[in-house]
Amino acid sequence: MTAARTRDDRERWRDQGDRDQGRYVDEDDYEEISAAEAAREGLRQIAGLTGKDPQGVTSIQPTDDGWQVGVEVVEDHRIPASTDLLGLYEVELDLSGSLLGYRRTRRYQRGKADGG
């Protein structure tokens, strides 16, 4: 199973019998992704949406609607690398791994300690 499903997947008809009844595929008919799959999907989504270089997943937690994934990215490569400008993004995925939304929550210099 891949996590790269789109909302259009959910709108496809189940089978010919359901077309006659006018029913769409229910979200409950999709397999939920694991935390590891959600983490990989969060990285993939941020890289694709921002064009930035993802460094890794900083957090992952389940939500009522799916997963919330924290992803750290390099926003601006600098010399030396210890002065790179990093960004922390929060990615929201539904239970099947489709993107619900994302936002940057923080920007900071790589060499600076947390708390500042």
Protein backbone atom coordinates (compact mmCIF):
# COMPACT_ATOMS: atom_id res chain seq x y z
CA MET A 1 0.00 0.00 0.00
CA THR A 2 1.24 3.50 -0.75
CA ALA A 3 0.45 6.57 1.26
CA ALA A 4 0.30 8.81 -1.80
CA ARG A 5 -3.45 8.76 -2.20
CA THR A 6 -5.38 11.83 -3.24
CA ARG A 7 -8.81 13.00 -2.23
CA ASP A 8 -9.97 12.03 -5.74
CA ASP A 9 -9.31 8.40 -4.78
CA ARG A 10 -12.01 8.67 -2.16
CA GLU A 11 -14.50 9.99 -4.66
CA ARG A 12 -14.21 7.07 -7.05
CA TRP A 13 -17.11 4.72 -7.29
CA ARG A 14 -16.80 1.42 -5.43
CA ASP A 15 -18.26 -0.76 -8.13
CA GLN A 16 -21.07 -0.84 -10.66
CA GLY A 17 -23.64 -1.75 -7.98
CA ASP A 18 -22.82 1.39 -6.00
CA ARG A 19 -23.13 3.56 -9.09
CA ASP A 20 -26.74 2.53 -9.31
CA GLN A 21 -27.22 3.56 -5.68
CA GLY A 22 -25.26 6.81 -6.08
CA ARG A 23 -22.81 6.02 -3.26
CA TYR A 24 -19.20 7.07 -3.04
CA VAL A 25 -16.33 5.21 -1.39
CA ASP A 26 -16.38 5.80 2.34
CA GLU A 27 -13.18 6.86 4.15
CA ASP A 28 -13.59 3.82 6.39
CA ASP A 29 -12.90 1.61 3.35
CA TYR A 30 -9.28 2.81 3.21
CA GLU A 31 -6.43 1.26 5.13
CA GLU A 32 -4.92 3.56 7.73
CA ILE A 33 -1.21 4.28 7.45
CA SER A 34 1.27 3.58 10.24
CA ALA A 35 3.27 6.23 12.10
CA ALA A 36 6.37 5.36 10.06
CA GLU A 37 4.44 5.74 6.79
CA ALA A 38 2.99 9.05 8.01
CA ALA A 39 6.50 10.30 8.83
CA ARG A 40 7.77 9.41 5.34
CA GLU A 41 4.73 11.01 3.73
CA GLY A 42 5.19 14.20 5.78
CA LEU A 43 8.79 14.48 4.54
CA ARG A 44 7.72 13.84 0.96
CA GLN A 45 4.91 16.39 1.07
CA ILE A 46 7.06 19.18 2.54
CA ALA A 47 9.84 18.58 0.01
CA GLY A 48 7.33 18.70 -2.84
CA LEU A 49 5.41 21.72 -1.60
CA THR A 50 8.28 23.95 -0.49
CA GLY A 51 11.13 22.76 -2.71
CA LYS A 52 13.31 22.84 0.41
CA ASP A 53 15.74 20.16 1.57
CA PRO A 54 14.12 18.13 4.39
CA GLN A 55 16.49 17.19 7.23
CA GLY A 56 14.20 14.79 9.06
CA VAL A 57 11.12 14.21 11.12
CA THR A 58 11.22 15.92 14.51
CA SER A 59 7.88 14.71 15.84
CA ILE A 60 4.86 12.62 15.00
CA GLN A 61 1.61 12.22 16.85
CA PRO A 62 -1.81 10.80 16.09
CA THR A 63 -4.78 13.15 15.88
CA ASP A 64 -8.52 12.55 15.64
CA ASP A 65 -8.29 13.03 11.86
CA GLY A 66 -4.96 11.31 11.16
CA TRP A 67 -1.39 12.38 11.89
CA GLN A 68 0.55 15.52 12.74
CA VAL A 69 4.17 15.36 11.58
CA GLY A 70 6.94 17.83 12.44
CA VAL A 71 9.53 18.19 9.67
CA GLU A 72 12.76 20.18 9.79
CA VAL A 73 14.03 21.65 6.50
CA VAL A 74 16.96 23.76 5.36
CA GLU A 75 15.42 27.06 4.29
CA ASP A 76 18.71 28.74 3.36
CA HIS A 77 22.07 27.00 2.88
CA ARG A 78 24.91 29.14 4.25
CA ILE A 79 28.66 28.87 4.67
CA PRO A 80 29.58 27.52 7.14
CA ALA A 81 26.77 24.97 7.33
CA SER A 82 26.44 25.59 11.07
CA THR A 83 24.80 28.91 10.16
CA ASP A 84 22.16 27.40 7.81
CA LEU A 85 18.67 28.80 8.31
CA LEU A 86 16.27 25.97 9.25
CA GLY A 87 12.50 25.83 9.35
CA LEU A 88 10.20 23.60 11.35
CA TYR A 89 7.01 22.63 9.55
CA GLU A 90 3.88 21.00 10.92
CA VAL A 91 2.19 18.69 8.41
CA GLU A 92 -1.36 17.42 8.90
CA LEU A 93 -2.27 14.13 7.19
CA ASP A 94 -5.55 12.23 7.23
CA LEU A 95 -5.77 8.59 8.30
CA SER A 96 -4.87 7.36 4.80
CA GLY A 97 -1.90 9.73 4.39
CA SER A 98 -3.47 12.47 2.27
CA LEU A 99 -2.33 16.01 2.99
CA LEU A 100 -4.82 18.13 4.95
CA GLY A 101 -2.55 21.13 5.51
CA TYR A 102 0.86 22.38 6.56
CA ARG A 103 2.44 25.44 8.11
CA ARG A 104 5.86 26.68 9.17
CA THR A 105 5.93 27.04 12.93
CA ARG A 106 9.49 28.22 13.48
CA ARG A 107 12.65 29.52 11.75
CA TYR A 108 16.05 29.39 13.37
CA GLN A 109 19.77 29.21 12.72
CA ARG A 110 21.27 25.70 12.85
CA GLY A 111 24.01 26.62 15.34
CA LYS A 112 21.65 28.27 17.85
CA ALA A 113 20.37 26.35 20.87
CA ASP A 114 16.66 25.68 21.44
CA GLY A 115 14.77 28.23 23.45
CA GLY A 116 15.79 31.28 21.46
